[in-house]
């Protein structure tokens, strides 16, 4: 079910409905904790917030990803986004 929430979030994002995507990602992160796809969901959440020009929310999502899943490949991508903020 968590994977389905991620799919639906991507669907909404593809339809230029970022708020709906954020809602689905928040449900995924709140309801399906421990599903194993949290790193991917947090990265997507940060990217959606960037799309919405909500930089502080994006930063929080990327920082949470790095803190909770530091060895994830998604964490490295989050670090790259954060480096861009600092440049």
Protein backbone atom coordinates (compact mmCIF):
# COMPACT_ATOMS: atom_id res chain seq x y z
CA UNK A 1 0.00 0.00 0.00
CA UNK A 2 2.86 2.40 0.68
CA UNK A 3 4.17 1.88 -2.85
CA UNK A 4 0.69 2.74 -4.16
CA UNK A 5 0.72 6.03 -2.21
CA UNK A 6 4.05 6.86 -3.83
CA UNK A 7 2.63 6.01 -7.25
CA UNK A 8 -0.39 8.26 -6.64
CA UNK A 9 1.85 11.11 -5.44
CA UNK A 10 3.86 10.85 -8.67
CA UNK A 11 0.60 10.75 -10.64
CA UNK A 12 -0.56 13.99 -9.01
CA UNK A 13 2.79 15.61 -9.58
CA UNK A 14 2.61 14.67 -13.25
CA UNK A 15 -0.80 16.35 -13.42
CA UNK A 16 0.64 19.53 -11.86
CA UNK A 17 -1.18 19.00 -8.58
CA UNK A 18 1.67 19.38 -6.10
CA UNK A 19 -0.53 19.94 -3.04
CA UNK A 20 -2.26 16.62 -3.68
CA UNK A 21 1.16 14.98 -4.09
CA UNK A 22 2.29 16.43 -0.75
CA UNK A 23 -0.85 15.07 0.89
CA UNK A 24 -0.24 11.56 -0.39
CA UNK A 25 3.41 11.66 0.61
CA UNK A 26 2.50 12.83 4.11
CA UNK A 27 0.02 9.95 4.43
CA UNK A 28 2.70 7.53 3.28
CA UNK A 29 5.22 8.86 5.80
CA UNK A 30 2.73 8.95 8.68
CA UNK A 31 0.77 5.74 8.12
CA UNK A 32 3.32 3.44 6.52
CA UNK A 33 6.34 4.09 8.70
CA UNK A 34 8.75 1.20 8.39
CA UNK A 35 7.66 0.39 4.85
CA UNK A 36 11.19 0.85 3.54
CA UNK A 37 10.31 3.50 0.98
CA UNK A 38 10.50 6.47 3.33
CA UNK A 39 13.83 7.68 1.85
CA UNK A 40 12.35 7.80 -1.64
CA UNK A 41 9.20 9.50 -0.33
CA UNK A 42 11.18 12.13 1.59
CA UNK A 43 13.29 12.93 -1.45
CA UNK A 44 10.20 13.30 -3.59
CA UNK A 45 8.56 15.42 -0.90
CA UNK A 46 11.53 17.77 -0.92
CA UNK A 47 11.46 17.99 -4.69
CA UNK A 48 7.73 18.74 -4.69
CA UNK A 49 8.26 21.50 -2.15
CA UNK A 50 10.99 22.95 -4.39
CA UNK A 51 8.56 22.84 -7.31
CA UNK A 52 6.16 24.84 -5.14
CA UNK A 53 8.97 27.24 -4.18
CA UNK A 54 8.61 26.23 -0.52
CA UNK A 55 12.35 26.17 0.11
CA UNK A 56 12.23 25.88 3.90
CA UNK A 57 9.87 22.89 3.70
CA UNK A 58 12.09 21.32 1.05
CA UNK A 59 15.13 21.80 3.23
CA UNK A 60 13.35 20.15 6.19
CA UNK A 61 12.40 17.13 4.06
CA UNK A 62 15.96 16.73 2.77
CA UNK A 63 17.44 17.15 6.25
CA UNK A 64 15.03 14.58 7.70
CA UNK A 65 16.01 12.14 4.97
CA UNK A 66 19.71 12.61 5.69
CA UNK A 67 19.21 12.32 9.45
CA UNK A 68 17.00 9.23 9.39
CA UNK A 69 18.56 7.39 6.44
CA UNK A 70 22.15 8.66 6.10
CA UNK A 71 23.40 5.65 4.14
CA UNK A 72 20.60 5.70 1.59
CA UNK A 73 21.35 6.59 -2.01
CA UNK A 74 18.47 9.03 -1.69
CA UNK A 75 20.34 10.77 1.14
CA UNK A 76 23.19 11.56 -1.23
CA UNK A 77 20.73 13.17 -3.63
CA UNK A 78 19.29 15.17 -0.72
CA UNK A 79 22.79 16.33 0.19
CA UNK A 80 23.25 17.54 -3.38
CA UNK A 81 20.03 19.57 -3.19
CA UNK A 82 21.19 21.09 0.12
CA UNK A 83 24.58 21.98 -1.40
CA UNK A 84 22.73 23.93 -4.09
CA UNK A 85 20.98 25.97 -1.39
CA UNK A 86 24.34 26.92 0.09
CA UNK A 87 25.89 27.94 -3.24
